[in-house]
Amino acid sequence: MGLMKVFSGSEILATALKTKLEEAGIDVIMKNNNQSNIVLGSATSLAVELFIDESKYGKADGVITDFKVSIQ
């Protein structure tokens, strides 16, 4: 079992998706690169990444798809 990246984006959107995944019973690891980018002087809107256990992707796919549709 490995980790798979399921989202890259702003901290606000990543936090919202993380909450939805956790409500569905899926553990999420959030990697926030904002602080590193600030030090380097290159802030980016894709600085936060979400990872889940790849064995949970089947369960997470619907949550992720619904989330992406809701933000468009």
C-alpha atoms as a PDB file:
ATOM      1  CA  MET A   1       0.000   0.000   0.000  1.00  0.00           C
ATOM      2  CA  GLY A   2       1.292   3.391  -0.982  1.00  0.00           C
ATOM      3  CA  LEU A   3       0.136   6.953  -0.935  1.00  0.00           C
ATOM      4  CA  MET A   4      -1.469   8.601  -3.926  1.00  0.00           C
ATOM      5  CA  LYS A   5      -1.902  12.317  -4.533  1.00  0.00           C
ATOM      6  CA  VAL A   6      -5.572  13.174  -5.045  1.00  0.00           C
ATOM      7  CA  PHE A   7      -5.474  16.975  -4.994  1.00  0.00           C
ATOM      8  CA  SER A   8      -3.177  19.965  -5.538  1.00  0.00           C
ATOM      9  CA  GLY A   9      -4.465  23.447  -4.982  1.00  0.00           C
ATOM     10  CA  SER A  10      -5.074  26.262  -2.577  1.00  0.00           C
ATOM     11  CA  GLU A  11      -5.069  25.690   1.150  1.00  0.00           C
ATOM     12  CA  ILE A  12      -8.737  26.680   1.423  1.00  0.00           C
ATOM     13  CA  LEU A  13      -9.892  24.120  -1.165  1.00  0.00           C
ATOM     14  CA  ALA A  14      -7.555  21.441   0.158  1.00  0.00           C
ATOM     15  CA  THR A  15      -8.897  21.885   3.675  1.00  0.00           C
ATOM     16  CA  ALA A  16     -12.492  21.659   2.432  1.00  0.00           C
ATOM     17  CA  LEU A  17     -11.787  18.445   0.496  1.00  0.00           C
ATOM     18  CA  LYS A  18      -9.829  16.991   3.405  1.00  0.00           C
ATOM     19  CA  THR A  19     -12.842  17.526   5.653  1.00  0.00           C
ATOM     20  CA  LYS A  20     -15.174  15.801   3.179  1.00  0.00           C
ATOM     21  CA  LEU A  21     -12.828  12.831   2.815  1.00  0.00           C
ATOM     22  CA  GLU A  22     -12.439  12.483   6.567  1.00  0.00           C
ATOM     23  CA  GLU A  23     -16.225  12.621   6.985  1.00  0.00           C
ATOM     24  CA  ALA A  24     -16.345   9.648   4.582  1.00  0.00           C
ATOM     25  CA  GLY A  25     -13.917   7.777   6.837  1.00  0.00           C
ATOM     26  CA  ILE A  26     -10.812   8.261   4.686  1.00  0.00           C
ATOM     27  CA  ASP A  27      -7.559   9.292   6.352  1.00  0.00           C
ATOM     28  CA  VAL A  28      -5.831  12.161   4.557  1.00  0.00           C
ATOM     29  CA  ILE A  29      -2.284  13.477   4.679  1.00  0.00           C
ATOM     30  CA  MET A  30      -1.975  17.174   3.848  1.00  0.00           C
ATOM     31  CA  LYS A  31       1.359  18.482   2.612  1.00  0.00           C
ATOM     32  CA  ASN A  32       1.500  22.254   2.781  1.00  0.00           C
ATOM     33  CA  ASN A  33       4.324  23.783   0.768  1.00  0.00           C
ATOM     34  CA  ASN A  34       3.217  27.391   1.305  1.00  0.00           C
ATOM     35  CA  GLN A  35       5.858  28.154   3.914  1.00  0.00           C
ATOM     36  CA  SER A  36       8.644  26.811   1.694  1.00  0.00           C
ATOM     37  CA  ASN A  37       7.422  28.871  -1.236  1.00  0.00           C
ATOM     38  CA  ILE A  38       7.263  32.036   0.835  1.00  0.00           C
ATOM     39  CA  VAL A  39      10.892  31.569   1.905  1.00  0.00           C
ATOM     40  CA  LEU A  40      11.889  31.041  -1.721  1.00  0.00           C
ATOM     41  CA  GLY A  41       9.802  34.020  -2.838  1.00  0.00           C
ATOM     42  CA  SER A  42       7.575  32.068  -5.211  1.00  0.00           C
ATOM     43  CA  ALA A  43       4.102  31.741  -3.733  1.00  0.00           C
ATOM     44  CA  THR A  44       1.922  29.418  -5.774  1.00  0.00           C
ATOM     45  CA  SER A  45      -1.750  28.512  -5.691  1.00  0.00           C
ATOM     46  CA  LEU A  46      -0.937  24.786  -5.986  1.00  0.00           C
ATOM     47  CA  ALA A  47       1.132  24.663  -2.844  1.00  0.00           C
ATOM     48  CA  VAL A  48      -1.071  22.245  -0.866  1.00  0.00           C
ATOM     49  CA  GLU A  49      -1.339  18.572  -1.753  1.00  0.00           C
ATOM     50  CA  LEU A  50      -3.617  15.860  -0.359  1.00  0.00           C
ATOM     51  CA  PHE A  51      -2.614  12.213  -0.230  1.00  0.00           C
ATOM     52  CA  ILE A  52      -4.612   9.103   0.644  1.00  0.00           C
ATOM     53  CA  ASP A  53      -3.796   5.414   0.883  1.00  0.00           C
ATOM     54  CA  GLU A  54      -4.159   4.110  -2.667  1.00  0.00           C
ATOM     55  CA  SER A  55      -6.320   1.223  -1.415  1.00  0.00           C
ATOM     56  CA  LYS A  56      -8.954   3.812  -0.384  1.00  0.00           C
ATOM     57  CA  TYR A  57      -9.181   5.451  -3.814  1.00  0.00           C
ATOM     58  CA  GLY A  58     -12.311   3.546  -4.818  1.00  0.00           C
ATOM     59  CA  LYS A  59     -14.123   4.957  -1.809  1.00  0.00           C
ATOM     60  CA  ALA A  60     -12.638   8.447  -2.234  1.00  0.00           C
ATOM     61  CA  ASP A  61     -13.264   8.822  -5.971  1.00  0.00           C
ATOM     62  CA  GLY A  62     -16.929   9.774  -5.611  1.00  0.00           C
ATOM     63  CA  VAL A  63     -16.188  12.287  -2.853  1.00  0.00           C
ATOM     64  CA  ILE A  64     -13.418  13.882  -4.927  1.00  0.00           C
ATOM     65  CA  THR A  65     -15.545  14.018  -8.082  1.00  0.00           C
ATOM     66  CA  ASP A  66     -18.487  15.595  -6.235  1.00  0.00           C
ATOM     67  CA  PHE A  67     -16.143  18.131  -4.656  1.00  0.00           C
ATOM     68  CA  LYS A  68     -14.585  19.124  -7.991  1.00  0.00           C
ATOM     69  CA  VAL A  69     -18.022  19.528  -9.575  1.00  0.00           C
ATOM     70  CA  SER A  70     -19.192  21.689  -6.654  1.00  0.00           C
ATOM     71  CA  ILE A  71     -16.318  24.160  -7.021  1.00  0.00           C
ATOM     72  CA  GLN A  72     -16.711  24.729 -10.749  1.00  0.00           C
END
